[in-house]
Amino acid sequence: MEYVYAAMLLHSAETEIDDKAVTAVLKAAGVDADSARVKALVASLGGVNIAEAM
């Protein structure tokens, strides 16, 4: 869930959701980010309107 929370935080801050940003948020929260999971998350959110989905 931490990965999804990171994406939601970036969205609420109106920041682009990319590998670097997600990894930075996770590291700031003390999570050891798995680059494969980060890439999968970013790829899966590519065409999603997060505001609509929420």
C-alpha atoms as a PDB file:
ATOM      1  CA  MET A   1       0.000   0.000   0.000  1.00  0.00           C
ATOM      2  CA  GLU A   2       2.910   2.354   0.589  1.00  0.00           C
ATOM      3  CA  TYR A   3       3.436   2.633  -3.152  1.00  0.00           C
ATOM      4  CA  VAL A   4      -0.169   3.657  -3.782  1.00  0.00           C
ATOM      5  CA  TYR A   5      -0.038   6.118  -0.887  1.00  0.00           C
ATOM      6  CA  ALA A   6       3.103   7.666  -2.383  1.00  0.00           C
ATOM      7  CA  ALA A   7       1.302   8.133  -5.700  1.00  0.00           C
ATOM      8  CA  MET A   8      -1.722   9.656  -3.973  1.00  0.00           C
ATOM      9  CA  LEU A   9       0.507  12.063  -2.051  1.00  0.00           C
ATOM     10  CA  LEU A  10       2.240  13.149  -5.260  1.00  0.00           C
ATOM     11  CA  HIS A  11      -1.127  13.608  -6.949  1.00  0.00           C
ATOM     12  CA  SER A  12      -2.458  15.744  -4.089  1.00  0.00           C
ATOM     13  CA  ALA A  13       0.711  17.856  -4.283  1.00  0.00           C
ATOM     14  CA  GLU A  14       0.095  18.262  -8.033  1.00  0.00           C
ATOM     15  CA  THR A  15       3.485  16.685  -8.747  1.00  0.00           C
ATOM     16  CA  GLU A  16       4.192  14.369 -11.662  1.00  0.00           C
ATOM     17  CA  ILE A  17       4.020  10.723 -10.664  1.00  0.00           C
ATOM     18  CA  ASP A  18       7.230   9.229 -12.015  1.00  0.00           C
ATOM     19  CA  ASP A  19       9.807   6.685 -10.827  1.00  0.00           C
ATOM     20  CA  LYS A  20      12.059   9.280  -9.240  1.00  0.00           C
ATOM     21  CA  ALA A  21       9.274  11.052  -7.336  1.00  0.00           C
ATOM     22  CA  VAL A  22       7.664   7.855  -6.036  1.00  0.00           C
ATOM     23  CA  THR A  23      11.044   6.536  -4.905  1.00  0.00           C
ATOM     24  CA  ALA A  24      11.817   9.825  -3.138  1.00  0.00           C
ATOM     25  CA  VAL A  25       8.513   9.782  -1.242  1.00  0.00           C
ATOM     26  CA  LEU A  26       9.029   6.168  -0.207  1.00  0.00           C
ATOM     27  CA  LYS A  27      12.581   6.849   0.963  1.00  0.00           C
ATOM     28  CA  ALA A  28      11.392   9.880   2.943  1.00  0.00           C
ATOM     29  CA  ALA A  29       8.906   7.585   4.672  1.00  0.00           C
ATOM     30  CA  GLY A  30      11.638   5.091   5.521  1.00  0.00           C
ATOM     31  CA  VAL A  31      10.562   2.490   2.960  1.00  0.00           C
ATOM     32  CA  ASP A  32      13.191   0.588   0.977  1.00  0.00           C
ATOM     33  CA  ALA A  33      11.697   1.087  -2.499  1.00  0.00           C
ATOM     34  CA  ASP A  34      11.689  -1.853  -4.912  1.00  0.00           C
ATOM     35  CA  SER A  35      12.425  -0.359  -8.340  1.00  0.00           C
ATOM     36  CA  ALA A  36      10.374  -3.026 -10.149  1.00  0.00           C
ATOM     37  CA  ARG A  37       7.316  -2.240  -8.037  1.00  0.00           C
ATOM     38  CA  VAL A  38       7.817   1.494  -8.546  1.00  0.00           C
ATOM     39  CA  LYS A  39       8.031   1.044 -12.326  1.00  0.00           C
ATOM     40  CA  ALA A  40       4.942  -1.182 -12.332  1.00  0.00           C
ATOM     41  CA  LEU A  41       2.970   1.386 -10.336  1.00  0.00           C
ATOM     42  CA  VAL A  42       3.988   4.284 -12.565  1.00  0.00           C
ATOM     43  CA  ALA A  43       3.186   2.270 -15.702  1.00  0.00           C
ATOM     44  CA  SER A  44      -0.214   1.204 -14.373  1.00  0.00           C
ATOM     45  CA  LEU A  45      -1.154   4.797 -13.522  1.00  0.00           C
ATOM     46  CA  GLY A  46      -0.046   6.138 -16.896  1.00  0.00           C
ATOM     47  CA  GLY A  47      -3.505   6.553 -18.391  1.00  0.00           C
ATOM     48  CA  VAL A  48      -5.512   6.875 -15.182  1.00  0.00           C
ATOM     49  CA  ASN A  49      -7.241  10.074 -14.155  1.00  0.00           C
ATOM     50  CA  ILE A  50      -6.598   9.761 -10.423  1.00  0.00           C
ATOM     51  CA  ALA A  51      -9.072  12.497  -9.491  1.00  0.00           C
ATOM     52  CA  GLU A  52     -11.839  10.599 -11.297  1.00  0.00           C
ATOM     53  CA  ALA A  53     -10.799   7.258  -9.851  1.00  0.00           C
ATOM     54  CA  MET A  54     -10.973   8.592  -6.297  1.00  0.00           C
END
